[in-house]
N, C-alpha and C. Protein backbone atom coordinates (compact mmCIF):
# COMPACT_ATOMS: atom_id res chain seq x y z
N MET A 1 7.60 -35.95 -83.84
CA MET A 1 8.91 -35.53 -83.34
C MET A 1 9.49 -34.47 -84.27
N ILE A 2 10.01 -33.41 -83.68
CA ILE A 2 10.57 -32.30 -84.47
C ILE A 2 12.05 -32.55 -84.69
N LYS A 3 12.45 -32.67 -85.96
CA LYS A 3 13.84 -33.02 -86.26
C LYS A 3 14.58 -31.99 -87.12
N ASN A 4 13.85 -31.14 -87.84
CA ASN A 4 14.48 -30.17 -88.73
C ASN A 4 14.26 -28.74 -88.23
N ILE A 5 15.11 -27.84 -88.71
CA ILE A 5 14.93 -26.40 -88.50
C ILE A 5 14.95 -25.74 -89.87
N ALA A 6 13.90 -25.00 -90.18
CA ALA A 6 13.82 -24.27 -91.45
C ALA A 6 13.84 -22.77 -91.15
N ILE A 7 14.67 -22.05 -91.89
CA ILE A 7 14.77 -20.60 -91.71
C ILE A 7 14.16 -19.91 -92.94
N HIS A 8 13.32 -18.92 -92.65
CA HIS A 8 12.60 -18.17 -93.68
C HIS A 8 12.97 -16.69 -93.59
N HIS A 9 12.62 -15.95 -94.65
CA HIS A 9 12.58 -14.49 -94.55
C HIS A 9 11.18 -14.06 -94.95
N SER A 10 10.82 -12.83 -94.60
CA SER A 10 9.47 -12.38 -94.95
C SER A 10 9.38 -12.02 -96.42
N GLY A 11 10.54 -11.86 -97.09
CA GLY A 11 10.56 -11.69 -98.55
C GLY A 11 10.12 -10.32 -99.01
N GLY A 12 9.82 -10.23 -100.29
CA GLY A 12 9.41 -8.96 -100.86
C GLY A 12 7.91 -8.74 -100.79
N ILE A 13 7.51 -7.50 -100.73
CA ILE A 13 6.09 -7.16 -100.74
C ILE A 13 5.71 -6.80 -102.17
N GLY A 14 4.98 -7.69 -102.81
CA GLY A 14 4.58 -7.44 -104.20
C GLY A 14 5.51 -8.08 -105.21
N ASN A 15 6.82 -8.01 -104.98
CA ASN A 15 7.78 -8.69 -105.85
C ASN A 15 9.04 -9.00 -105.05
N ASN A 16 9.96 -9.70 -105.68
CA ASN A 16 11.14 -10.21 -104.97
C ASN A 16 12.18 -9.15 -104.64
N LEU A 17 12.00 -7.92 -105.14
CA LEU A 17 13.03 -6.91 -104.95
C LEU A 17 12.52 -5.69 -104.18
N THR A 18 11.49 -5.88 -103.38
CA THR A 18 11.02 -4.79 -102.52
C THR A 18 11.26 -5.14 -101.06
N SER A 19 11.38 -4.13 -100.25
CA SER A 19 11.69 -4.32 -98.84
C SER A 19 10.47 -4.79 -98.05
N SER A 20 10.74 -5.60 -97.03
CA SER A 20 9.69 -5.94 -96.06
C SER A 20 10.17 -5.68 -94.64
N ALA A 21 11.22 -4.88 -94.54
CA ALA A 21 11.83 -4.63 -93.23
C ALA A 21 10.89 -3.90 -92.28
N PHE A 22 9.91 -3.21 -92.81
CA PHE A 22 8.98 -2.43 -91.97
C PHE A 22 7.95 -3.31 -91.27
N LEU A 23 7.81 -4.55 -91.71
CA LEU A 23 6.80 -5.43 -91.14
C LEU A 23 7.04 -5.69 -89.65
N THR A 24 5.96 -6.00 -88.95
CA THR A 24 6.03 -6.43 -87.56
C THR A 24 5.38 -7.82 -87.47
N TRP A 25 5.51 -8.45 -86.32
CA TRP A 25 4.87 -9.76 -86.16
C TRP A 25 3.35 -9.63 -86.26
N GLN A 26 2.81 -8.45 -85.87
CA GLN A 26 1.37 -8.23 -85.98
C GLN A 26 0.93 -8.21 -87.45
N HIS A 27 1.74 -7.59 -88.31
CA HIS A 27 1.43 -7.59 -89.75
C HIS A 27 1.37 -9.02 -90.28
N ILE A 28 2.37 -9.81 -89.92
CA ILE A 28 2.43 -11.19 -90.41
C ILE A 28 1.26 -12.00 -89.86
N ASN A 29 0.95 -11.81 -88.60
CA ASN A 29 -0.16 -12.54 -87.99
C ASN A 29 -1.47 -12.24 -88.72
N GLN A 30 -1.71 -10.96 -89.01
CA GLN A 30 -2.95 -10.58 -89.69
C GLN A 30 -2.98 -11.08 -91.13
N ALA A 31 -1.82 -10.99 -91.80
CA ALA A 31 -1.75 -11.46 -93.19
C ALA A 31 -2.03 -12.95 -93.28
N HIS A 32 -1.49 -13.72 -92.36
CA HIS A 32 -1.71 -15.17 -92.37
C HIS A 32 -3.14 -15.51 -91.95
N LYS A 33 -3.70 -14.71 -91.06
CA LYS A 33 -5.10 -14.93 -90.69
C LYS A 33 -6.00 -14.71 -91.90
N THR A 34 -5.73 -13.66 -92.66
CA THR A 34 -6.51 -13.36 -93.85
C THR A 34 -6.34 -14.44 -94.91
N ARG A 35 -5.12 -14.94 -95.03
CA ARG A 35 -4.82 -15.91 -96.09
C ARG A 35 -5.33 -17.30 -95.77
N TRP A 36 -5.11 -17.76 -94.53
CA TRP A 36 -5.43 -19.16 -94.18
C TRP A 36 -6.49 -19.30 -93.07
N ASN A 37 -6.60 -18.32 -92.21
CA ASN A 37 -7.48 -18.41 -91.04
C ASN A 37 -7.25 -19.74 -90.30
N PHE A 38 -5.99 -20.00 -89.99
CA PHE A 38 -5.55 -21.26 -89.40
C PHE A 38 -4.96 -20.96 -88.01
N PRO A 39 -5.81 -20.86 -87.00
CA PRO A 39 -5.33 -20.44 -85.67
C PRO A 39 -4.52 -21.51 -84.97
N SER A 40 -3.61 -21.06 -84.12
CA SER A 40 -2.87 -21.98 -83.25
C SER A 40 -3.82 -22.59 -82.23
N GLN A 41 -3.58 -23.86 -81.91
CA GLN A 41 -4.38 -24.52 -80.89
C GLN A 41 -3.90 -24.19 -79.47
N TYR A 42 -2.71 -23.60 -79.38
CA TYR A 42 -2.08 -23.43 -78.07
C TYR A 42 -1.79 -21.98 -77.70
N ILE A 43 -1.75 -21.09 -78.70
CA ILE A 43 -1.40 -19.71 -78.44
C ILE A 43 -2.56 -18.83 -78.89
N LYS A 44 -3.14 -18.11 -77.96
CA LYS A 44 -4.36 -17.35 -78.21
C LYS A 44 -4.16 -16.27 -79.27
N ASP A 45 -5.14 -16.17 -80.15
CA ASP A 45 -5.19 -15.13 -81.20
C ASP A 45 -3.95 -15.14 -82.09
N SER A 46 -3.39 -16.32 -82.30
CA SER A 46 -2.17 -16.45 -83.11
C SER A 46 -2.49 -17.23 -84.38
N TYR A 47 -2.19 -16.61 -85.54
CA TYR A 47 -2.50 -17.21 -86.83
C TYR A 47 -1.25 -17.35 -87.71
N GLY A 48 -0.13 -16.83 -87.29
CA GLY A 48 1.09 -16.91 -88.09
C GLY A 48 1.48 -18.35 -88.35
N GLY A 49 1.97 -18.61 -89.55
CA GLY A 49 2.29 -19.98 -89.94
C GLY A 49 3.60 -20.50 -89.40
N TYR A 50 4.48 -19.60 -88.93
CA TYR A 50 5.78 -20.01 -88.41
C TYR A 50 5.68 -20.33 -86.91
N ASN A 51 6.67 -21.05 -86.42
CA ASN A 51 6.75 -21.22 -84.97
C ASN A 51 7.15 -19.92 -84.30
N VAL A 52 8.17 -19.26 -84.87
CA VAL A 52 8.72 -18.04 -84.26
C VAL A 52 9.10 -17.05 -85.36
N VAL A 53 8.89 -15.78 -85.09
CA VAL A 53 9.33 -14.70 -85.98
C VAL A 53 10.32 -13.82 -85.22
N TYR A 54 11.41 -13.45 -85.91
CA TYR A 54 12.40 -12.53 -85.33
C TYR A 54 12.32 -11.19 -86.04
N ASP A 55 12.24 -10.11 -85.26
CA ASP A 55 12.18 -8.75 -85.82
C ASP A 55 13.49 -8.03 -85.51
N PRO A 56 14.32 -7.77 -86.53
CA PRO A 56 15.60 -7.09 -86.30
C PRO A 56 15.46 -5.68 -85.74
N LYS A 57 14.29 -5.06 -85.95
CA LYS A 57 14.14 -3.67 -85.52
C LYS A 57 14.22 -3.52 -84.01
N ASP A 58 13.62 -4.45 -83.29
CA ASP A 58 13.70 -4.39 -81.82
C ASP A 58 14.34 -5.65 -81.22
N ARG A 59 14.88 -6.50 -82.11
CA ARG A 59 15.61 -7.72 -81.71
C ARG A 59 14.72 -8.67 -80.89
N SER A 60 13.44 -8.73 -81.25
CA SER A 60 12.50 -9.54 -80.49
C SER A 60 12.15 -10.83 -81.23
N PHE A 61 11.88 -11.88 -80.46
CA PHE A 61 11.40 -13.15 -80.98
C PHE A 61 9.95 -13.32 -80.51
N HIS A 62 9.06 -13.62 -81.44
CA HIS A 62 7.65 -13.79 -81.09
C HIS A 62 7.19 -15.17 -81.54
N GLN A 63 6.59 -15.94 -80.63
CA GLN A 63 6.12 -17.28 -80.97
C GLN A 63 4.69 -17.25 -81.48
N PHE A 64 4.49 -17.83 -82.67
CA PHE A 64 3.16 -17.95 -83.26
C PHE A 64 2.53 -19.31 -82.97
N ARG A 65 3.35 -20.36 -83.02
CA ARG A 65 2.82 -21.72 -82.87
C ARG A 65 3.69 -22.53 -81.93
N ALA A 66 3.03 -23.43 -81.22
CA ALA A 66 3.77 -24.31 -80.32
C ALA A 66 4.76 -25.15 -81.11
N VAL A 67 5.87 -25.47 -80.49
CA VAL A 67 6.85 -26.34 -81.13
C VAL A 67 6.29 -27.76 -81.13
N GLY A 68 6.01 -28.29 -82.30
CA GLY A 68 5.36 -29.59 -82.42
C GLY A 68 3.95 -29.49 -82.97
N GLU A 69 3.41 -28.29 -82.94
CA GLU A 69 2.10 -28.05 -83.56
C GLU A 69 2.29 -27.92 -85.07
N GLU A 70 1.26 -28.30 -85.83
CA GLU A 70 1.34 -28.14 -87.28
C GLU A 70 1.53 -26.67 -87.64
N THR A 71 2.49 -26.41 -88.52
CA THR A 71 2.73 -25.05 -89.00
C THR A 71 2.14 -24.89 -90.40
N ALA A 72 2.29 -23.70 -90.94
CA ALA A 72 1.94 -23.44 -92.34
C ALA A 72 3.11 -22.69 -92.93
N ALA A 73 4.25 -23.38 -93.01
CA ALA A 73 5.50 -22.70 -93.32
C ALA A 73 6.27 -23.32 -94.47
N GLN A 74 6.40 -24.64 -94.49
CA GLN A 74 7.12 -25.31 -95.56
C GLN A 74 6.34 -26.56 -95.97
N LYS A 75 5.75 -26.50 -97.15
CA LYS A 75 4.85 -27.55 -97.62
C LYS A 75 5.52 -28.92 -97.56
N GLY A 76 4.83 -29.86 -96.96
CA GLY A 76 5.34 -31.22 -96.84
C GLY A 76 6.15 -31.47 -95.60
N SER A 77 6.48 -30.42 -94.86
CA SER A 77 7.31 -30.58 -93.65
C SER A 77 6.77 -29.70 -92.52
N ASN A 78 5.47 -29.67 -92.39
CA ASN A 78 4.85 -28.82 -91.37
C ASN A 78 4.61 -29.53 -90.04
N PHE A 79 4.91 -30.84 -90.00
CA PHE A 79 4.71 -31.59 -88.76
C PHE A 79 6.02 -31.96 -88.07
N ASP A 80 7.14 -31.91 -88.80
CA ASP A 80 8.41 -32.37 -88.24
C ASP A 80 9.50 -31.32 -88.25
N THR A 81 9.12 -30.06 -88.49
CA THR A 81 10.12 -29.01 -88.69
C THR A 81 9.78 -27.76 -87.87
N PHE A 82 10.78 -27.24 -87.19
CA PHE A 82 10.66 -25.96 -86.49
C PHE A 82 10.95 -24.86 -87.50
N SER A 83 10.06 -23.88 -87.60
CA SER A 83 10.23 -22.81 -88.59
C SER A 83 10.45 -21.46 -87.91
N LEU A 84 11.51 -20.79 -88.34
CA LEU A 84 11.87 -19.47 -87.83
C LEU A 84 11.91 -18.50 -89.01
N CYS A 85 11.18 -17.40 -88.90
CA CYS A 85 11.18 -16.38 -89.96
C CYS A 85 11.89 -15.12 -89.47
N ILE A 86 12.81 -14.62 -90.28
CA ILE A 86 13.48 -13.35 -90.01
C ILE A 86 12.80 -12.28 -90.86
N ILE A 87 12.34 -11.23 -90.23
CA ILE A 87 11.69 -10.16 -90.99
C ILE A 87 12.71 -9.44 -91.85
N GLY A 88 12.41 -9.32 -93.13
CA GLY A 88 13.30 -8.67 -94.08
C GLY A 88 13.33 -9.44 -95.39
N ASN A 89 13.83 -8.78 -96.43
CA ASN A 89 13.98 -9.40 -97.74
C ASN A 89 15.46 -9.56 -98.04
N PHE A 90 15.93 -10.81 -98.05
CA PHE A 90 17.35 -11.08 -98.25
C PHE A 90 17.65 -11.66 -99.62
N ASN A 91 16.81 -11.29 -100.59
CA ASN A 91 17.13 -11.57 -101.98
C ASN A 91 18.21 -10.61 -102.45
N GLN A 92 19.05 -11.11 -103.33
CA GLN A 92 20.13 -10.28 -103.85
C GLN A 92 19.58 -9.26 -104.83
N THR A 93 20.08 -8.04 -104.73
CA THR A 93 19.69 -7.00 -105.69
C THR A 93 20.33 -7.30 -107.03
N PRO A 94 19.87 -6.65 -108.12
CA PRO A 94 20.51 -6.86 -109.42
C PRO A 94 22.00 -6.57 -109.35
N GLN A 95 22.74 -7.15 -110.28
CA GLN A 95 24.20 -7.04 -110.27
C GLN A 95 24.65 -5.61 -110.00
N GLY A 96 25.58 -5.51 -109.09
CA GLY A 96 26.13 -4.20 -108.73
C GLY A 96 27.36 -4.41 -107.88
N SER A 97 27.97 -3.36 -107.46
CA SER A 97 29.17 -3.47 -106.63
C SER A 97 29.05 -2.52 -105.46
N PRO A 98 29.10 -3.01 -104.20
CA PRO A 98 29.22 -4.43 -103.88
C PRO A 98 27.86 -5.12 -103.94
N LEU A 99 27.87 -6.45 -104.01
CA LEU A 99 26.63 -7.21 -103.99
C LEU A 99 25.98 -7.07 -102.62
N ARG A 100 24.67 -7.00 -102.59
CA ARG A 100 23.98 -6.84 -101.32
C ARG A 100 22.56 -7.40 -101.44
N SER A 101 21.92 -7.53 -100.29
CA SER A 101 20.53 -7.96 -100.27
C SER A 101 19.62 -6.74 -100.23
N VAL A 102 18.35 -6.94 -100.56
CA VAL A 102 17.39 -5.83 -100.58
C VAL A 102 17.37 -5.16 -99.21
N ASP A 103 17.20 -5.94 -98.16
CA ASP A 103 17.28 -5.43 -96.79
C ASP A 103 18.59 -5.93 -96.18
N PRO A 104 19.29 -5.08 -95.45
CA PRO A 104 20.57 -5.52 -94.88
C PRO A 104 20.38 -6.58 -93.80
N LEU A 105 21.28 -7.54 -93.79
CA LEU A 105 21.31 -8.54 -92.73
C LEU A 105 22.50 -8.19 -91.84
N SER A 106 22.23 -7.50 -90.74
CA SER A 106 23.30 -6.99 -89.89
C SER A 106 23.95 -8.11 -89.09
N GLN A 107 25.17 -7.84 -88.62
CA GLN A 107 25.86 -8.80 -87.78
C GLN A 107 25.09 -9.04 -86.49
N GLN A 108 24.44 -8.01 -86.00
CA GLN A 108 23.63 -8.13 -84.78
C GLN A 108 22.49 -9.13 -84.99
N THR A 109 21.83 -9.02 -86.14
CA THR A 109 20.75 -9.96 -86.46
C THR A 109 21.29 -11.38 -86.57
N ILE A 110 22.40 -11.54 -87.27
CA ILE A 110 23.02 -12.86 -87.41
C ILE A 110 23.34 -13.45 -86.05
N ASP A 111 23.96 -12.64 -85.18
CA ASP A 111 24.34 -13.12 -83.84
C ASP A 111 23.11 -13.52 -83.03
N ASP A 112 22.06 -12.70 -83.10
CA ASP A 112 20.83 -13.00 -82.36
C ASP A 112 20.22 -14.33 -82.82
N VAL A 113 20.16 -14.52 -84.12
CA VAL A 113 19.55 -15.74 -84.67
C VAL A 113 20.40 -16.96 -84.33
N VAL A 114 21.71 -16.84 -84.45
CA VAL A 114 22.60 -17.96 -84.12
C VAL A 114 22.47 -18.33 -82.65
N ASP A 115 22.46 -17.32 -81.78
CA ASP A 115 22.30 -17.61 -80.34
C ASP A 115 20.96 -18.27 -80.06
N PHE A 116 19.92 -17.80 -80.72
CA PHE A 116 18.59 -18.41 -80.55
C PHE A 116 18.61 -19.88 -80.96
N LEU A 117 19.22 -20.17 -82.10
CA LEU A 117 19.25 -21.54 -82.60
C LEU A 117 20.08 -22.45 -81.71
N VAL A 118 21.21 -21.95 -81.22
CA VAL A 118 22.04 -22.75 -80.31
C VAL A 118 21.24 -23.09 -79.06
N ASN A 119 20.55 -22.10 -78.51
CA ASN A 119 19.74 -22.35 -77.31
C ASN A 119 18.57 -23.28 -77.61
N LEU A 120 18.01 -23.17 -78.81
CA LEU A 120 16.94 -24.07 -79.20
C LEU A 120 17.43 -25.52 -79.22
N LEU A 121 18.63 -25.74 -79.73
CA LEU A 121 19.19 -27.09 -79.79
C LEU A 121 19.40 -27.67 -78.40
N TYR A 122 19.69 -26.79 -77.44
CA TYR A 122 19.88 -27.24 -76.06
C TYR A 122 18.59 -27.12 -75.23
N ASN A 123 17.48 -26.78 -75.91
CA ASN A 123 16.17 -26.69 -75.25
C ASN A 123 16.19 -25.70 -74.09
N ARG A 124 16.76 -24.52 -74.33
CA ARG A 124 16.89 -23.51 -73.28
C ARG A 124 16.03 -22.28 -73.54
N HIS A 125 14.93 -22.47 -74.23
CA HIS A 125 14.03 -21.35 -74.49
C HIS A 125 12.74 -21.54 -73.71
N ASN A 126 12.12 -20.44 -73.36
CA ASN A 126 10.83 -20.49 -72.70
C ASN A 126 9.73 -20.50 -73.76
N LEU A 127 9.73 -21.56 -74.59
CA LEU A 127 8.76 -21.69 -75.67
C LEU A 127 7.69 -22.71 -75.28
N VAL A 128 6.53 -22.56 -75.91
CA VAL A 128 5.48 -23.57 -75.74
C VAL A 128 5.87 -24.76 -76.62
N VAL A 129 6.04 -25.93 -76.00
CA VAL A 129 6.48 -27.14 -76.72
C VAL A 129 5.48 -28.25 -76.45
N VAL A 130 5.03 -28.93 -77.51
CA VAL A 130 4.01 -29.98 -77.35
C VAL A 130 4.44 -31.30 -77.99
N ASP A 131 5.69 -31.41 -78.38
CA ASP A 131 6.19 -32.65 -78.97
C ASP A 131 7.65 -32.81 -78.61
N LYS A 132 8.17 -34.01 -78.78
CA LYS A 132 9.58 -34.28 -78.49
C LYS A 132 10.46 -33.64 -79.55
N LEU A 133 11.66 -33.20 -79.13
CA LEU A 133 12.60 -32.58 -80.04
C LEU A 133 13.77 -33.53 -80.31
N ASN A 134 14.11 -33.64 -81.56
CA ASN A 134 15.31 -34.39 -81.96
C ASN A 134 16.09 -33.54 -82.95
N LEU A 135 16.41 -32.33 -82.52
CA LEU A 135 17.03 -31.34 -83.40
C LEU A 135 18.54 -31.55 -83.48
N SER A 136 19.11 -31.11 -84.59
CA SER A 136 20.56 -31.19 -84.79
C SER A 136 21.00 -30.00 -85.63
N ALA A 137 22.20 -29.52 -85.35
CA ALA A 137 22.73 -28.40 -86.12
C ALA A 137 22.92 -28.76 -87.58
N VAL A 138 23.13 -30.03 -87.89
CA VAL A 138 23.34 -30.43 -89.28
C VAL A 138 22.02 -30.48 -90.05
N ARG A 139 20.91 -30.30 -89.35
CA ARG A 139 19.61 -30.27 -90.02
C ARG A 139 18.98 -28.89 -89.92
N ILE A 140 19.80 -27.87 -90.10
CA ILE A 140 19.33 -26.49 -90.23
C ILE A 140 19.33 -26.15 -91.71
N TYR A 141 18.19 -25.80 -92.25
CA TYR A 141 18.04 -25.60 -93.69
C TYR A 141 17.37 -24.26 -94.00
N PRO A 142 17.59 -23.75 -95.21
CA PRO A 142 16.74 -22.66 -95.69
C PRO A 142 15.41 -23.23 -96.16
N HIS A 143 14.39 -22.42 -96.20
CA HIS A 143 13.07 -22.85 -96.66
C HIS A 143 13.15 -23.54 -98.01
N ARG A 144 14.02 -23.04 -98.89
CA ARG A 144 14.10 -23.57 -100.25
C ARG A 144 14.59 -25.02 -100.32
N PHE A 145 15.11 -25.54 -99.23
CA PHE A 145 15.49 -26.95 -99.19
C PHE A 145 14.26 -27.84 -99.31
N PHE A 146 13.13 -27.37 -98.83
CA PHE A 146 11.92 -28.18 -98.77
C PHE A 146 11.02 -28.03 -99.99
N GLN A 147 11.10 -26.89 -100.67
CA GLN A 147 10.25 -26.68 -101.84
C GLN A 147 10.85 -25.57 -102.71
N SER A 148 10.29 -25.40 -103.90
CA SER A 148 10.83 -24.44 -104.86
C SER A 148 10.47 -23.01 -104.44
N THR A 149 11.46 -22.28 -103.95
CA THR A 149 11.28 -20.90 -103.51
C THR A 149 12.65 -20.26 -103.34
N ASP A 150 12.70 -18.93 -103.33
CA ASP A 150 13.96 -18.22 -103.07
C ASP A 150 14.26 -18.15 -101.57
N CYS A 151 13.27 -18.36 -100.76
CA CYS A 151 13.35 -18.15 -99.32
C CYS A 151 14.43 -19.06 -98.69
N TYR A 152 15.33 -18.57 -97.93
CA TYR A 152 15.40 -17.38 -97.12
C TYR A 152 16.18 -16.24 -97.76
N GLY A 153 16.16 -16.14 -99.08
CA GLY A 153 16.83 -15.06 -99.78
C GLY A 153 18.00 -15.53 -100.62
N THR A 154 18.05 -15.09 -101.86
CA THR A 154 19.10 -15.52 -102.78
C THR A 154 20.47 -14.96 -102.43
N PHE A 155 20.53 -13.96 -101.58
CA PHE A 155 21.82 -13.41 -101.16
C PHE A 155 22.54 -14.33 -100.18
N LEU A 156 21.79 -15.21 -99.52
CA LEU A 156 22.36 -16.09 -98.50
C LEU A 156 22.57 -17.49 -99.06
N ASP A 157 23.75 -18.07 -98.80
CA ASP A 157 23.97 -19.44 -99.25
C ASP A 157 23.26 -20.41 -98.31
N ASP A 158 23.04 -21.63 -98.79
CA ASP A 158 22.24 -22.60 -98.06
C ASP A 158 22.82 -22.97 -96.70
N MET A 159 24.13 -22.89 -96.55
CA MET A 159 24.80 -23.33 -95.32
C MET A 159 25.05 -22.20 -94.33
N LYS A 160 24.57 -21.01 -94.63
CA LYS A 160 24.89 -19.82 -93.83
C LYS A 160 24.73 -20.05 -92.33
N PHE A 161 23.53 -20.32 -91.89
CA PHE A 161 23.29 -20.42 -90.46
C PHE A 161 23.73 -21.77 -89.88
N ARG A 162 23.69 -22.81 -90.70
CA ARG A 162 24.16 -24.11 -90.21
C ARG A 162 25.64 -24.01 -89.79
N LYS A 163 26.46 -23.43 -90.66
CA LYS A 163 27.89 -23.29 -90.36
C LYS A 163 28.12 -22.45 -89.11
N LEU A 164 27.40 -21.33 -89.01
CA LEU A 164 27.59 -20.43 -87.87
C LEU A 164 27.18 -21.09 -86.56
N VAL A 165 26.08 -21.85 -86.58
CA VAL A 165 25.63 -22.53 -85.37
C VAL A 165 26.62 -23.61 -84.96
N ILE A 166 27.09 -24.39 -85.92
CA ILE A 166 28.08 -25.44 -85.62
C ILE A 166 29.35 -24.82 -85.05
N ASN A 167 29.80 -23.72 -85.65
CA ASN A 167 31.00 -23.05 -85.14
C ASN A 167 30.80 -22.55 -83.72
N LYS A 168 29.60 -22.03 -83.43
CA LYS A 168 29.31 -21.51 -82.09
C LYS A 168 29.31 -22.66 -81.06
N ILE A 169 28.73 -23.78 -81.44
CA ILE A 169 28.70 -24.93 -80.54
C ILE A 169 30.11 -25.46 -80.30
N CYS A 170 30.91 -25.54 -81.36
CA CYS A 170 32.29 -26.00 -81.21
C CYS A 170 33.09 -25.06 -80.32
N TRP A 171 32.84 -23.76 -80.46
CA TRP A 171 33.53 -22.77 -79.62
C TRP A 171 33.16 -22.96 -78.16
N LYS A 172 31.87 -23.22 -77.89
CA LYS A 172 31.43 -23.45 -76.52
C LYS A 172 32.08 -24.71 -75.94
N ILE A 173 32.13 -25.77 -76.75
CA ILE A 173 32.74 -27.01 -76.29
C ILE A 173 34.23 -26.81 -76.01
N GLN A 174 34.90 -26.08 -76.89
CA GLN A 174 36.32 -25.82 -76.69
C GLN A 174 36.57 -25.04 -75.40
N LYS A 175 35.70 -24.08 -75.11
CA LYS A 175 35.82 -23.33 -73.86
C LYS A 175 35.67 -24.25 -72.66
N GLN A 176 34.73 -25.19 -72.73
CA GLN A 176 34.52 -26.13 -71.63
C GLN A 176 35.73 -27.04 -71.46
N ILE A 177 36.28 -27.50 -72.59
CA ILE A 177 37.47 -28.37 -72.52
C ILE A 177 38.64 -27.61 -71.91
N THR A 178 38.82 -26.36 -72.33
CA THR A 178 39.92 -25.55 -71.80
C THR A 178 39.77 -25.37 -70.30
N LEU A 179 38.55 -25.14 -69.82
CA LEU A 179 38.31 -24.97 -68.39
C LEU A 179 38.61 -26.25 -67.63
N ILE A 180 38.14 -27.39 -68.18
CA ILE A 180 38.39 -28.67 -67.53
C ILE A 180 39.88 -28.97 -67.46
N MET A 181 40.59 -28.70 -68.54
CA MET A 181 42.04 -28.95 -68.56
C MET A 181 42.76 -28.06 -67.56
N ALA A 182 42.26 -26.83 -67.39
CA ALA A 182 42.88 -25.93 -66.41
C ALA A 182 42.68 -26.45 -65.00
N VAL A 183 41.49 -26.99 -64.71
CA VAL A 183 41.21 -27.57 -63.39
C VAL A 183 42.10 -28.78 -63.14
N ILE A 184 42.24 -29.63 -64.16
CA ILE A 184 43.10 -30.81 -64.03
C ILE A 184 44.54 -30.41 -63.77
N ALA A 185 45.02 -29.41 -64.52
CA ALA A 185 46.40 -28.94 -64.33
C ALA A 185 46.60 -28.38 -62.93
N ASP A 186 45.59 -27.68 -62.42
CA ASP A 186 45.68 -27.11 -61.07
C ASP A 186 45.74 -28.23 -60.02
N LEU A 187 44.92 -29.26 -60.19
CA LEU A 187 44.94 -30.39 -59.27
C LEU A 187 46.29 -31.09 -59.27
N LYS A 188 46.86 -31.27 -60.45
CA LYS A 188 48.16 -31.93 -60.55
C LYS A 188 49.24 -31.08 -59.89
N ALA A 189 49.17 -29.76 -60.13
CA ALA A 189 50.17 -28.87 -59.53
C ALA A 189 50.09 -28.89 -58.01
N LYS A 190 48.91 -28.86 -57.44
CA LYS A 190 48.73 -28.88 -55.99
C LYS A 190 49.21 -30.21 -55.40
N ARG A 191 48.97 -31.29 -56.15
CA ARG A 191 49.42 -32.60 -55.65
C ARG A 191 50.94 -32.64 -55.56
N LYS A 192 51.61 -32.12 -56.60
CA LYS A 192 53.08 -32.12 -56.60
C LYS A 192 53.64 -31.26 -55.47
N LEU A 193 52.94 -30.21 -55.13
CA LEU A 193 53.40 -29.32 -54.06
C LEU A 193 53.02 -29.85 -52.68
N GLY A 194 52.35 -30.97 -52.64
CA GLY A 194 51.98 -31.56 -51.36
C GLY A 194 50.81 -30.89 -50.70
N LYS A 195 50.05 -30.11 -51.46
CA LYS A 195 48.91 -29.40 -50.87
C LYS A 195 47.65 -30.25 -50.86
N LEU A 196 47.73 -31.42 -51.52
CA LEU A 196 46.59 -32.32 -51.50
C LEU A 196 46.99 -33.58 -50.75
N GLY A 197 46.06 -34.10 -50.01
CA GLY A 197 46.31 -35.36 -49.32
C GLY A 197 46.04 -36.51 -50.26
N LYS A 198 45.47 -37.57 -49.74
CA LYS A 198 45.13 -38.73 -50.55
C LYS A 198 44.12 -38.33 -51.62
N LEU A 199 44.40 -38.73 -52.86
CA LEU A 199 43.49 -38.39 -53.94
C LEU A 199 42.15 -39.09 -53.75
N ASP A 200 41.07 -38.33 -53.97
CA ASP A 200 39.76 -38.97 -53.91
C ASP A 200 39.46 -39.58 -55.29
N PHE A 201 38.29 -40.19 -55.38
CA PHE A 201 37.95 -40.89 -56.62
C PHE A 201 37.95 -39.95 -57.82
N ALA A 202 37.38 -38.74 -57.63
CA ALA A 202 37.30 -37.78 -58.74
C ALA A 202 38.68 -37.41 -59.23
N ASP A 203 39.64 -37.22 -58.28
CA ASP A 203 40.99 -36.85 -58.67
C ASP A 203 41.66 -37.98 -59.44
N ARG A 204 41.47 -39.20 -59.01
CA ARG A 204 42.06 -40.34 -59.71
C ARG A 204 41.49 -40.42 -61.13
N GLY A 205 40.22 -40.06 -61.26
CA GLY A 205 39.62 -40.03 -62.58
C GLY A 205 40.29 -39.00 -63.45
N CYS A 206 40.59 -37.84 -62.88
CA CYS A 206 41.28 -36.80 -63.63
C CYS A 206 42.68 -37.25 -64.01
N GLU A 207 43.39 -37.94 -63.09
CA GLU A 207 44.73 -38.40 -63.36
C GLU A 207 44.72 -39.38 -64.54
N ALA A 208 43.64 -40.13 -64.64
CA ALA A 208 43.55 -41.12 -65.72
C ALA A 208 43.48 -40.45 -67.08
N LEU A 209 43.09 -39.18 -67.09
CA LEU A 209 43.03 -38.46 -68.36
C LEU A 209 44.42 -38.18 -68.89
């Protein structure tokens, strides 16, 4: 059963302070094939260790491994964790003003990743899935939660995406509540004006609210 979400970055090429923004999912696939030669059982010609990779350059998500298939992403948690890698190096540069990461993390990238994660929690993606999901927004972690590493970048705090996903879900729920309350208010107003006859069961339920 998949219960955690781990977020990665592609990191630095050669050292922690070089860019990897130029990488594509094909580069990662080939690099992982060379390193591990550990093919997916469900996705043809796929060797990447993550479940999904996001490329900010074209805003695309590419699936390497089925959700529930063993990954090669976070040691000790490759059977129960969904892994998402964002292409780029989000380690903080040496002290300067203003502080920044090696590769910029744009608002567009943040929004895309948050929307992807929210949809993942609601199982609204067209992904290959081979195990049951028990995901929660409170179990969204950086890679470094599972083992000693800088990943997903020292510029980002541990709660970055967890907070944003929770806020997005709360915003969606609030919108739904506001819509429901508007419908209830409309029903009550019509009843007072005599535009409704005998209340049906659903209306009585609304009145009970």
